[in-house]
Every structure is written in structure tokens, then in C-alpha cells.
PDB file of N, CA and C in Angstrom:
ATOM      1  N   MET A   1      39.302-129.619  92.348  1.00  0.00           N
ATOM      2  CA  MET A   1      39.666-128.342  91.768  1.00  0.00           C
ATOM      3  C   MET A   1      38.763-128.058  90.564  1.00  0.00           C
ATOM      4  N   ALA A   2      38.240-126.871  90.502  1.00  0.00           N
ATOM      5  CA  ALA A   2      37.335-126.509  89.419  1.00  0.00           C
ATOM      6  C   ALA A   2      38.117-126.236  88.142  1.00  0.00           C
ATOM      7  N   ARG A   3      37.613-126.737  87.046  1.00  0.00           N
ATOM      8  CA  ARG A   3      38.226-126.480  85.749  1.00  0.00           C
ATOM      9  C   ARG A   3      37.551-125.269  85.128  1.00  0.00           C
ATOM     10  N   SER A   4      38.237-124.662  84.163  1.00  0.00           N
ATOM     11  CA  SER A   4      37.687-123.457  83.538  1.00  0.00           C
ATOM     12  C   SER A   4      36.424-123.761  82.743  1.00  0.00           C
ATOM     13  N   GLU A   5      36.228-125.034  82.346  1.00  0.00           N
ATOM     14  CA  GLU A   5      35.048-125.400  81.566  1.00  0.00           C
ATOM     15  C   GLU A   5      33.806-125.591  82.433  1.00  0.00           C
ATOM     16  N   ASP A   6      34.002-125.802  83.737  1.00  0.00           N
ATOM     17  CA  ASP A   6      32.884-126.152  84.601  1.00  0.00           C
ATOM     18  C   ASP A   6      31.741-125.129  84.627  1.00  0.00           C
ATOM     19  N   PRO A   7      32.010-123.822  84.722  1.00  0.00           N
ATOM     20  CA  PRO A   7      30.871-122.877  84.712  1.00  0.00           C
ATOM     21  C   PRO A   7      30.082-122.925  83.408  1.00  0.00           C
ATOM     22  N   ILE A   8      30.775-123.084  82.295  1.00  0.00           N
ATOM     23  CA  ILE A   8      30.082-123.165  81.000  1.00  0.00           C
ATOM     24  C   ILE A   8      29.299-124.473  80.919  1.00  0.00           C
ATOM     25  N   ALA A   9      29.922-125.560  81.350  1.00  0.00           N
ATOM     26  CA  ALA A   9      29.248-126.864  81.323  1.00  0.00           C
ATOM     27  C   ALA A   9      28.014-126.854  82.221  1.00  0.00           C
ATOM     28  N   GLN A  10      28.114-126.252  83.403  1.00  0.00           N
ATOM     29  CA  GLN A  10      26.959-126.172  84.302  1.00  0.00           C
ATOM     30  C   GLN A  10      25.854-125.339  83.668  1.00  0.00           C
ATOM     31  N   TRP A  11      26.234-124.272  82.988  1.00  0.00           N
ATOM     32  CA  TRP A  11      25.244-123.443  82.303  1.00  0.00           C
ATOM     33  C   TRP A  11      24.554-124.256  81.210  1.00  0.00           C
ATOM     34  N   MET A  12      25.336-125.085  80.483  1.00  0.00           N
ATOM     35  CA  MET A  12      24.763-125.930  79.431  1.00  0.00           C
ATOM     36  C   MET A  12      23.763-126.923  80.019  1.00  0.00           C
ATOM     37  N   VAL A  13      24.118-127.535  81.141  1.00  0.00           N
ATOM     38  CA  VAL A  13      23.206-128.481  81.811  1.00  0.00           C
ATOM     39  C   VAL A  13      21.915-127.765  82.184  1.00  0.00           C
ATOM     40  N   ASP A  14      22.043-126.602  82.805  1.00  0.00           N
ATOM     41  CA  ASP A  14      20.861-125.835  83.208  1.00  0.00           C
ATOM     42  C   ASP A  14      20.021-125.443  81.997  1.00  0.00           C
ATOM     43  N   ARG A  15      20.680-125.086  80.904  1.00  0.00           N
ATOM     44  CA  ARG A  15      19.971-124.664  79.684  1.00  0.00           C
ATOM     45  C   ARG A  15      19.156-125.819  79.090  1.00  0.00           C
ATOM     46  N   VAL A  16      19.752-127.001  79.006  1.00  0.00           N
ATOM     47  CA  VAL A  16      19.030-128.157  78.453  1.00  0.00           C
ATOM     48  C   VAL A  16      17.842-128.496  79.351  1.00  0.00           C
ATOM     49  N   HIS A  17      18.033-128.452  80.671  1.00  0.00           N
ATOM     50  CA  HIS A  17      16.916-128.733  81.576  1.00  0.00           C
ATOM     51  C   HIS A  17      15.822-127.672  81.434  1.00  0.00           C
ATOM     52  N   GLU A  18      16.218-126.431  81.247  1.00  0.00           N
ATOM     53  CA  GLU A  18      15.248-125.345  81.095  1.00  0.00           C
ATOM     54  C   GLU A  18      14.423-125.500  79.817  1.00  0.00           C
ATOM     55  N   LEU A  19      15.089-125.847  78.715  1.00  0.00           N
ATOM     56  CA  LEU A  19      14.401-125.966  77.422  1.00  0.00           C
ATOM     57  C   LEU A  19      13.728-127.321  77.223  1.00  0.00           C
ATOM     58  N   GLY A  20      14.204-128.342  77.929  1.00  0.00           N
ATOM     59  CA  GLY A  20      13.662-129.677  77.726  1.00  0.00           C
ATOM     60  C   GLY A  20      14.463-130.468  76.714  1.00  0.00           C
ATOM     61  N   ARG A  21      14.842-129.826  75.625  1.00  0.00           N
ATOM     62  CA  ARG A  21      15.740-130.434  74.647  1.00  0.00           C
ATOM     63  C   ARG A  21      16.412-129.326  73.862  1.00  0.00           C
ATOM     64  N   CYS A  22      17.608-129.643  73.333  1.00  0.00           N
ATOM     65  CA  CYS A  22      18.391-128.619  72.648  1.00  0.00           C
ATOM     66  C   CYS A  22      19.363-129.296  71.682  1.00  0.00           C
ATOM     67  N   SER A  23      19.405-128.816  70.439  1.00  0.00           N
ATOM     68  CA  SER A  23      20.334-129.387  69.463  1.00  0.00           C
ATOM     69  C   SER A  23      21.745-128.867  69.726  1.00  0.00           C
ATOM     70  N   ARG A  24      22.726-129.552  69.174  1.00  0.00           N
ATOM     71  CA  ARG A  24      24.127-129.158  69.339  1.00  0.00           C
ATOM     72  C   ARG A  24      24.355-127.749  68.778  1.00  0.00           C
ATOM     73  N   VAL A  25      23.793-127.467  67.605  1.00  0.00           N
ATOM     74  CA  VAL A  25      23.966-126.163  66.959  1.00  0.00           C
ATOM     75  C   VAL A  25      23.354-125.057  67.820  1.00  0.00           C
ATOM     76  N   ASP A  26      22.142-125.289  68.322  1.00  0.00           N
ATOM     77  CA  ASP A  26      21.482-124.286  69.162  1.00  0.00           C
ATOM     78  C   ASP A  26      22.243-124.066  70.463  1.00  0.00           C
ATOM     79  N   LEU A  27      22.729-125.151  71.052  1.00  0.00           N
ATOM     80  CA  LEU A  27      23.463-125.021  72.301  1.00  0.00           C
ATOM     81  C   LEU A  27      24.770-124.261  72.076  1.00  0.00           C
ATOM     82  N   LEU A  28      25.471-124.545  70.984  1.00  0.00           N
ATOM     83  CA  LEU A  28      26.701-123.815  70.672  1.00  0.00           C
ATOM     84  C   LEU A  28      26.395-122.335  70.464  1.00  0.00           C
ATOM     85  N   ALA A  29      25.325-122.017  69.743  1.00  0.00           N
ATOM     86  CA  ALA A  29      24.946-120.615  69.526  1.00  0.00           C
ATOM     87  C   ALA A  29      24.648-119.925  70.853  1.00  0.00           C
ATOM     88  N   ASP A  30      23.956-120.620  71.761  1.00  0.00           N
ATOM     89  CA  ASP A  30      23.654-120.045  73.075  1.00  0.00           C
ATOM     90  C   ASP A  30      24.919-119.843  73.897  1.00  0.00           C
ATOM     91  N   VAL A  31      25.868-120.794  73.821  1.00  0.00           N
ATOM     92  CA  VAL A  31      27.140-120.661  74.549  1.00  0.00           C
ATOM     93  C   VAL A  31      27.923-119.469  74.004  1.00  0.00           C
ATOM     94  N   VAL A  32      27.952-119.297  72.683  1.00  0.00           N
ATOM     95  CA  VAL A  32      28.657-118.162  72.073  1.00  0.00           C
ATOM     96  C   VAL A  32      28.030-116.847  72.533  1.00  0.00           C
ATOM     97  N   THR A  33      26.704-116.795  72.560  1.00  0.00           N
ATOM     98  CA  THR A  33      26.011-115.588  73.008  1.00  0.00           C
ATOM     99  C   THR A  33      26.325-115.277  74.465  1.00  0.00           C
ATOM    100  N   GLU A  34      26.354-116.298  75.291  1.00  0.00           N
ATOM    101  CA  GLU A  34      26.528-116.123  76.735  1.00  0.00           C
ATOM    102  C   GLU A  34      27.996-115.946  77.147  1.00  0.00           C
ATOM    103  N   PHE A  35      28.922-116.684  76.501  1.00  0.00           N
ATOM    104  CA  PHE A  35      30.309-116.730  76.981  1.00  0.00           C
ATOM    105  C   PHE A  35      31.351-116.261  75.976  1.00  0.00           C
ATOM    106  N   GLY A  36      30.944-115.914  74.770  1.00  0.00           N
ATOM    107  CA  GLY A  36      31.919-115.451  73.788  1.00  0.00           C
ATOM    108  C   GLY A  36      32.179-116.491  72.708  1.00  0.00           C
ATOM    109  N   PRO A  37      32.948-116.090  71.685  1.00  0.00           N
ATOM    110  CA  PRO A  37      33.156-116.946  70.512  1.00  0.00           C
ATOM    111  C   PRO A  37      33.846-118.276  70.827  1.00  0.00           C
ATOM    112  N   ARG A  38      33.359-119.302  70.177  1.00  0.00           N
ATOM    113  CA  ARG A  38      33.949-120.647  70.221  1.00  0.00           C
ATOM    114  C   ARG A  38      33.701-121.267  68.861  1.00  0.00           C
ATOM    115  N   ALA A  39      34.642-122.059  68.405  1.00  0.00           N
ATOM    116  CA  ALA A  39      34.490-122.737  67.117  1.00  0.00           C
ATOM    117  C   ALA A  39      33.611-123.971  67.252  1.00  0.00           C
ATOM    118  N   GLU A  40      33.672-124.607  68.418  1.00  0.00           N
ATOM    119  CA  GLU A  40      32.918-125.831  68.639  1.00  0.00           C
ATOM    120  C   GLU A  40      32.824-126.095  70.138  1.00  0.00           C
ATOM    121  N   LEU A  41      32.103-127.137  70.470  1.00  0.00           N
ATOM    122  CA  LEU A  41      32.029-127.573  71.867  1.00  0.00           C
ATOM    123  C   LEU A  41      33.200-128.540  72.071  1.00  0.00           C
ATOM    124  N   GLU A  42      34.293-128.047  72.658  1.00  0.00           N
ATOM    125  CA  GLU A  42      35.537-128.806  72.779  1.00  0.00           C
ATOM    126  C   GLU A  42      35.382-129.999  73.708  1.00  0.00           C
ATOM    127  N   ARG A  43      36.304-130.952  73.540  1.00  0.00           N
ATOM    128  CA  ARG A  43      36.275-132.180  74.331  1.00  0.00           C
ATOM    129  C   ARG A  43      36.297-131.924  75.843  1.00  0.00           C
ATOM    130  N   PRO A  44      37.186-131.050  76.379  1.00  0.00           N
ATOM    131  CA  PRO A  44      37.169-130.828  77.828  1.00  0.00           C
ATOM    132  C   PRO A  44      35.836-130.268  78.321  1.00  0.00           C
ATOM    133  N   LEU A  45      35.231-129.402  77.514  1.00  0.00           N
ATOM    134  CA  LEU A  45      33.926-128.850  77.869  1.00  0.00           C
ATOM    135  C   LEU A  45      32.860-129.946  77.871  1.00  0.00           C
ATOM    136  N   MET A  46      32.878-130.793  76.858  1.00  0.00           N
ATOM    137  CA  MET A  46      31.889-131.874  76.787  1.00  0.00           C
ATOM    138  C   MET A  46      32.101-132.895  77.905  1.00  0.00           C
ATOM    139  N   ASN A  47      33.351-133.149  78.280  1.00  0.00           N
ATOM    140  CA  ASN A  47      33.614-134.047  79.402  1.00  0.00           C
ATOM    141  C   ASN A  47      33.037-133.478  80.694  1.00  0.00           C
ATOM    142  N   SER A  48      33.212-132.179  80.914  1.00  0.00           N
ATOM    143  CA  SER A  48      32.630-131.532  82.098  1.00  0.00           C
ATOM    144  C   SER A  48      31.107-131.594  82.051  1.00  0.00           C
ATOM    145  N   PHE A  49      30.543-131.354  80.865  1.00  0.00           N
ATOM    146  CA  PHE A  49      29.090-131.410  80.678  1.00  0.00           C
ATOM    147  C   PHE A  49      28.563-132.795  81.055  1.00  0.00           C
ATOM    148  N   ARG A  50      29.206-133.842  80.548  1.00  0.00           N
ATOM    149  CA  ARG A  50      28.772-135.219  80.860  1.00  0.00           C
ATOM    150  C   ARG A  50      28.893-135.517  82.346  1.00  0.00           C
ATOM    151  N   PHE A  51      29.975-135.060  82.949  1.00  0.00           N
ATOM    152  CA  PHE A  51      30.177-135.300  84.372  1.00  0.00           C
ATOM    153  C   PHE A  51      29.112-134.574  85.204  1.00  0.00           C
ATOM    154  N   LEU A  52      28.822-133.332  84.847  1.00  0.00           N
ATOM    155  CA  LEU A  52      27.906-132.519  85.654  1.00  0.00           C
ATOM    156  C   LEU A  52      26.443-132.926  85.513  1.00  0.00           C
ATOM    157  N   HIS A  53      26.032-133.397  84.335  1.00  0.00           N
ATOM    158  CA  HIS A  53      24.601-133.736  84.211  1.00  0.00           C
ATOM    159  C   HIS A  53      24.273-135.064  84.881  1.00  0.00           C
ATOM    160  N   ARG A  54      25.259-135.917  85.135  1.00  0.00           N
ATOM    161  CA  ARG A  54      25.098-137.156  85.898  1.00  0.00           C
ATOM    162  C   ARG A  54      23.903-138.002  85.456  1.00  0.00           C
ATOM    163  N   GLY A  55      23.731-138.126  84.143  1.00  0.00           N
ATOM    164  CA  GLY A  55      22.677-138.985  83.617  1.00  0.00           C
ATOM    165  C   GLY A  55      21.306-138.340  83.527  1.00  0.00           C
ATOM    166  N   THR A  56      21.198-137.050  83.842  1.00  0.00           N
ATOM    167  CA  THR A  56      19.892-136.398  83.769  1.00  0.00           C
ATOM    168  C   THR A  56      19.595-135.852  82.379  1.00  0.00           C
ATOM    169  N   ILE A  57      20.564-136.003  81.466  1.00  0.00           N
ATOM    170  CA  ILE A  57      20.396-135.566  80.079  1.00  0.00           C
ATOM    171  C   ILE A  57      20.851-136.712  79.193  1.00  0.00           C
ATOM    172  N   ARG A  58      20.123-136.960  78.125  1.00  0.00           N
ATOM    173  CA  ARG A  58      20.531-138.012  77.198  1.00  0.00           C
ATOM    174  C   ARG A  58      20.644-137.445  75.788  1.00  0.00           C
ATOM    175  N   TRP A  59      21.556-138.019  75.025  1.00  0.00           N
ATOM    176  CA  TRP A  59      21.762-137.636  73.625  1.00  0.00           C
ATOM    177  C   TRP A  59      20.848-138.490  72.765  1.00  0.00           C
ATOM    178  N   ILE A  60      20.073-137.855  71.893  1.00  0.00           N
ATOM    179  CA  ILE A  60      19.188-138.552  70.963  1.00  0.00           C
ATOM    180  C   ILE A  60      19.834-138.468  69.581  1.00  0.00           C
ATOM    181  N   PRO A  61      20.537-139.530  69.156  1.00  0.00           N
ATOM    182  CA  PRO A  61      21.279-139.450  67.897  1.00  0.00           C
ATOM    183  C   PRO A  61      20.400-139.252  66.663  1.00  0.00           C
ATOM    184  N   ALA A  62      19.240-139.868  66.637  1.00  0.00           N
ATOM    185  CA  ALA A  62      18.368-139.761  65.458  1.00  0.00           C
ATOM    186  C   ALA A  62      17.941-138.315  65.206  1.00  0.00           C
ATOM    187  N   GLY A  63      17.732-137.563  66.272  1.00  0.00           N
ATOM    188  CA  GLY A  63      17.324-136.170  66.123  1.00  0.00           C
ATOM    189  C   GLY A  63      18.460-135.190  66.316  1.00  0.00           C
ATOM    190  N   ALA A  64      19.628-135.705  66.720  1.00  0.00           N
ATOM    191  CA  ALA A  64      20.816-134.884  66.972  1.00  0.00           C
ATOM    192  C   ALA A  64      20.537-133.778  67.994  1.00  0.00           C
ATOM    193  N   TYR A  65      19.990-134.185  69.143  1.00  0.00           N
ATOM    194  CA  TYR A  65      19.753-133.217  70.212  1.00  0.00           C
ATOM    195  C   TYR A  65      19.907-133.884  71.573  1.00  0.00           C
ATOM    196  N   TRP A  66      20.102-133.049  72.582  1.00  0.00           N
ATOM    197  CA  TRP A  66      20.111-133.519  73.961  1.00  0.00           C
ATOM    198  C   TRP A  66      18.721-133.327  74.527  1.00  0.00           C
ATOM    199  N   GLN A  67      18.276-134.270  75.319  1.00  0.00           N
ATOM    200  CA  GLN A  67      16.958-134.177  75.942  1.00  0.00           C
ATOM    201  C   GLN A  67      17.101-134.366  77.443  1.00  0.00           C
ATOM    202  N   SER A  68      16.441-133.505  78.181  1.00  0.00           N
ATOM    203  CA  SER A  68      16.461-133.599  79.633  1.00  0.00           C
ATOM    204  C   SER A  68      15.563-134.742  80.084  1.00  0.00           C
ATOM    205  N   ASN A  69      16.032-135.502  81.040  1.00  0.00           N
ATOM    206  CA  ASN A  69      15.197-136.537  81.652  1.00  0.00           C
ATOM    207  C   ASN A  69      14.293-135.930  82.718  1.00  0.00           C
ATOM    208  N   LEU A  70      14.418-134.629  82.937  1.00  0.00           N
ATOM    209  CA  LEU A  70      13.625-133.930  83.947  1.00  0.00           C
ATOM    210  C   LEU A  70      12.560-133.060  83.313  1.00  0.00           C
ATOM    211  N   VAL A  71      12.138-133.387  82.098  1.00  0.00           N
ATOM    212  CA  VAL A  71      11.187-132.558  81.363  1.00  0.00           C
ATOM    213  C   VAL A  71       9.880-132.385  82.120  1.00  0.00           C
ATOM    214  N   ALA A  72       9.380-133.440  82.754  1.00  0.00           N
ATOM    215  CA  ALA A  72       8.095-133.345  83.457  1.00  0.00           C
ATOM    216  C   ALA A  72       8.154-132.293  84.542  1.00  0.00           C
ATOM    217  N   SER A  73       9.232-132.230  85.290  1.00  0.00           N
ATOM    218  CA  SER A  73       9.314-131.232  86.352  1.00  0.00           C
ATOM    219  C   SER A  73       9.538-129.844  85.770  1.00  0.00           C
ATOM    220  N   ALA A  74      10.257-129.746  84.651  1.00  0.00           N
ATOM    221  CA  ALA A  74      10.521-128.449  84.050  1.00  0.00           C
ATOM    222  C   ALA A  74       9.268-127.840  83.437  1.00  0.00           C
ATOM    223  N   THR A  75       8.392-128.683  82.910  1.00  0.00           N
ATOM    224  CA  THR A  75       7.192-128.165  82.264  1.00  0.00           C
ATOM    225  C   THR A  75       6.036-127.985  83.232  1.00  0.00           C
ATOM    226  N   GLY A  76       6.248-128.356  84.490  1.00  0.00           N
ATOM    227  CA  GLY A  76       5.197-128.179  85.481  1.00  0.00           C
ATOM    228  C   GLY A  76       4.153-129.265  85.461  1.00  0.00           C
ATOM    229  N   SER A  77       4.444-130.391  84.843  1.00  0.00           N
ATOM    230  CA  SER A  77       3.503-131.497  84.811  1.00  0.00           C
ATOM    231  C   SER A  77       3.232-131.981  86.230  1.00  0.00           C
ATOM    232  N   THR A  78       1.995-132.288  86.521  1.00  0.00           N
ATOM    233  CA  THR A  78       1.642-132.705  87.873  1.00  0.00           C
ATOM    234  C   THR A  78       1.773-134.194  88.079  1.00  0.00           C
ATOM    235  N   GLY A  79       2.029-134.931  87.048  1.00  0.00           N
ATOM    236  CA  GLY A  79       2.156-136.370  87.213  1.00  0.00           C
ATOM    237  C   GLY A  79       2.229-137.059  85.878  1.00  0.00           C
ATOM    238  N   PRO A  80       2.450-138.350  85.892  1.00  0.00           N
ATOM    239  CA  PRO A  80       2.613-139.055  84.636  1.00  0.00           C
ATOM    240  C   PRO A  80       1.341-139.175  83.817  1.00  0.00           C
ATOM    241  N   ARG A  81       0.186-139.236  84.455  1.00  0.00           N
ATOM    242  CA  ARG A  81      -1.057-139.383  83.710  1.00  0.00           C
ATOM    243  C   ARG A  81      -2.128-138.499  84.324  1.00  0.00           C
ATOM    244  N   GLN A  82      -2.990-137.998  83.493  1.00  0.00           N
ATOM    245  CA  GLN A  82      -4.127-137.209  83.940  1.00  0.00           C
ATOM    246  C   GLN A  82      -5.396-137.901  83.446  1.00  0.00           C
ATOM    247  N   LEU A  83      -6.475-137.782  84.208  1.00  0.00           N
ATOM    248  CA  LEU A  83      -7.747-138.323  83.759  1.00  0.00           C
ATOM    249  C   LEU A  83      -8.220-137.539  82.547  1.00  0.00           C
ATOM    250  N   SER A  84      -8.883-138.206  81.631  1.00  0.00           N
ATOM    251  CA  SER A  84      -9.364-137.514  80.443  1.00  0.00           C
ATOM    252  C   SER A  84     -10.585-136.649  80.756  1.00  0.00           C
ATOM    253  N   HIS A  85     -11.155-136.834  81.905  1.00  0.00           N
ATOM    254  CA  HIS A  85     -12.267-135.995  82.336  1.00  0.00           C
ATOM    255  C   HIS A  85     -12.061-135.650  83.798  1.00  0.00           C
ATOM    256  N   SER A  86     -12.729-134.627  84.255  1.00  0.00           N
ATOM    257  CA  SER A  86     -12.556-134.257  85.656  1.00  0.00           C
ATOM    258  C   SER A  86     -13.635-134.923  86.502  1.00  0.00           C
ATOM    259  N   VAL A  87     -13.259-135.322  87.676  1.00  0.00           N
ATOM    260  CA  VAL A  87     -14.192-135.899  88.632  1.00  0.00           C
ATOM    261  C   VAL A  87     -14.648-134.744  89.511  1.00  0.00           C
ATOM    262  N   THR A  88     -15.924-134.419  89.421  1.00  0.00           N
ATOM    263  CA  THR A  88     -16.389-133.196  90.071  1.00  0.00           C
ATOM    264  C   THR A  88     -16.901-133.399  91.489  1.00  0.00           C
ATOM    265  N   ASP A  89     -17.315-134.587  91.826  1.00  0.00           N
ATOM    266  CA  ASP A  89     -17.787-134.792  93.196  1.00  0.00           C
ATOM    267  C   ASP A  89     -17.533-136.234  93.627  1.00  0.00           C
ATOM    268  N   GLU A  90     -17.882-136.538  94.856  1.00  0.00           N
ATOM    269  CA  GLU A  90     -17.607-137.856  95.408  1.00  0.00           C
ATOM    270  C   GLU A  90     -18.377-138.958  94.683  1.00  0.00           C
ATOM    271  N   LYS A  91     -19.594-138.659  94.226  1.00  0.00           N
ATOM    272  CA  LYS A  91     -20.396-139.649  93.503  1.00  0.00           C
ATOM    273  C   LYS A  91     -19.700-140.039  92.203  1.00  0.00           C
ATOM    274  N   ASP A  92     -19.167-139.036  91.471  1.00  0.00           N
ATOM    275  CA  ASP A  92     -18.437-139.327  90.242  1.00  0.00           C
ATOM    276  C   ASP A  92     -17.206-140.186  90.528  1.00  0.00           C
ATOM    277  N   LEU A  93     -16.498-139.873  91.599  1.00  0.00           N
ATOM    278  CA  LEU A  93     -15.313-140.630  91.967  1.00  0.00           C
ATOM    279  C   LEU A  93     -15.672-142.083  92.275  1.00  0.00           C
ATOM    280  N   THR A  94     -16.762-142.293  93.007  1.00  0.00           N
ATOM    281  CA  THR A  94     -17.212-143.640  93.336  1.00  0.00           C
ATOM    282  C   THR A  94     -17.558-144.414  92.063  1.00  0.00           C
ATOM    283  N   THR A  95     -18.191-143.752  91.107  1.00  0.00           N
ATOM    284  CA  THR A  95     -18.541-144.383  89.837  1.00  0.00           C
ATOM    285  C   THR A  95     -17.285-144.797  89.070  1.00  0.00           C
ATOM    286  N   VAL A  96     -16.297-143.919  89.037  1.00  0.00           N
ATOM    287  CA  VAL A  96     -15.053-144.220  88.330  1.00  0.00           C
ATOM    288  C   VAL A  96     -14.343-145.390  88.994  1.00  0.00           C
ATOM    289  N   VAL A  97     -14.234-145.369  90.310  1.00  0.00           N
ATOM    290  CA  VAL A  97     -13.556-146.445  91.043  1.00  0.00           C
ATOM    291  C   VAL A  97     -14.293-147.764  90.841  1.00  0.00           C
ATOM    292  N   SER A  98     -15.608-147.762  90.857  1.00  0.00           N
ATOM    293  CA  SER A  98     -16.393-148.978  90.645  1.00  0.00           C
ATOM    294  C   SER A  98     -16.162-149.544  89.249  1.00  0.00           C
ATOM    295  N   ALA A  99     -16.118-148.674  88.260  1.00  0.00           N
ATOM    296  CA  ALA A  99     -15.893-149.122  86.890  1.00  0.00           C
ATOM    297  C   ALA A  99     -14.504-149.735  86.735  1.00  0.00           C
ATOM    298  N   VAL A 100     -13.505-149.150  87.354  1.00  0.00           N
ATOM    299  CA  VAL A 100     -12.143-149.687  87.286  1.00  0.00           C
ATOM    300  C   VAL A 100     -12.083-151.026  88.001  1.00  0.00           C
ATOM    301  N   ASP A 101     -12.687-151.133  89.185  1.00  0.00           N
ATOM    302  CA  ASP A 101     -12.705-152.398  89.923  1.00  0.00           C
ATOM    303  C   ASP A 101     -13.380-153.495  89.111  1.00  0.00           C
ATOM    304  N   ALA A 102     -14.499-153.186  88.468  1.00  0.00           N
ATOM    305  CA  ALA A 102     -15.215-154.169  87.664  1.00  0.00           C
ATOM    306  C   ALA A 102     -14.360-154.624  86.483  1.00  0.00           C
ATOM    307  N   SER A 103     -13.662-153.684  85.873  1.00  0.00           N
ATOM    308  CA  SER A 103     -12.788-154.008  84.754  1.00  0.00           C
ATOM    309  C   SER A 103     -11.663-154.944  85.185  1.00  0.00           C
ATOM    310  N   HIS A 104     -11.078-154.668  86.328  1.00  0.00           N
ATOM    311  CA  HIS A 104      -9.990-155.507  86.833  1.00  0.00           C
ATOM    312  C   HIS A 104     -10.499-156.902  87.221  1.00  0.00           C
ATOM    313  N   SER A 105     -11.655-156.975  87.803  1.00  0.00           N
ATOM    314  CA  SER A 105     -12.169-158.299  88.227  1.00  0.00           C
ATOM    315  C   SER A 105     -12.514-159.153  87.009  1.00  0.00           C
ATOM    316  N   ARG A 106     -12.988-158.560  85.914  1.00  0.00           N
ATOM    317  CA  ARG A 106     -13.264-159.321  84.687  1.00  0.00           C
ATOM    318  C   ARG A 106     -11.978-159.868  84.081  1.00  0.00           C
ATOM    319  N   ARG A 107     -10.891-159.097  84.135  1.00  0.00           N
ATOM    320  CA  ARG A 107      -9.622-159.536  83.567  1.00  0.00           C
ATOM    321  C   ARG A 107      -8.983-160.638  84.394  1.00  0.00           C
ATOM    322  N   ASN A 108      -9.231-160.671  85.682  1.00  0.00           N
ATOM    323  CA  ASN A 108      -8.564-161.623  86.574  1.00  0.00           C
ATOM    324  C   ASN A 108      -9.314-162.944  86.710  1.00  0.00           C
ATOM    325  N   ARG A 109     -10.351-163.150  85.947  1.00  0.00           N
ATOM    326  CA  ARG A 109     -11.116-164.410  86.024  1.00  0.00           C
ATOM    327  C   ARG A 109     -10.394-165.526  85.377  1.00  0.00           C
TER     328      ARG A 109
END
């Protein structure tokens, strides 16, 4: 059975994922703007929020904000690491691969 807090909690989850991170004050201000006046983020609402995000959002106590664990996908990142330079042709790629192989073989001696 759906609780009355669930639509607001789902909106909060979507908002944190959209922004990447969001402080408690900012999130409360956004909830007030979207759903009407509230004095605080009540316990039933926060329980729904925790249940709905299912570990995809974490609380950062030092900064007092929630951070999405899905930031890379939200920001359009293509992967965890990018080369510091572009490989423009097959010869460049072969050179890069050879240099990496040589580096690995020196370390494994």
C-alpha cells in the first residue's frame, strides 16, 4: 500500500540523482517549492526516502549533504577514466599499447 509520503520521497530521490548532491536545507526548500509548506523533513518521509533510494544515495555527514552514487551516469560520463590525450590513428594506438606492455613487463620482473 502506498503511503502519502511516497510521491514526495520518490521526487526527493530523483532530485538528488538529478543534481548529483543536495544539502538538507536545499532539499527541504525544493520540497516546499514543489509540494507546499513543511517545517522539516519528517521521519515518515525520511523513512520512505531511505527505502526508495535503496542504497543509491549516501549521506555525507562532514558536508551535511546527500550524494548520488549514480553521479557518473547523471553527468554523462563515458567511463571511469579517460586518456589524457587522444589517440588519433592506429599507429598511435599501437605505440600506446606497446608502452603500457613494456611498463608492465618491467614491473613484473
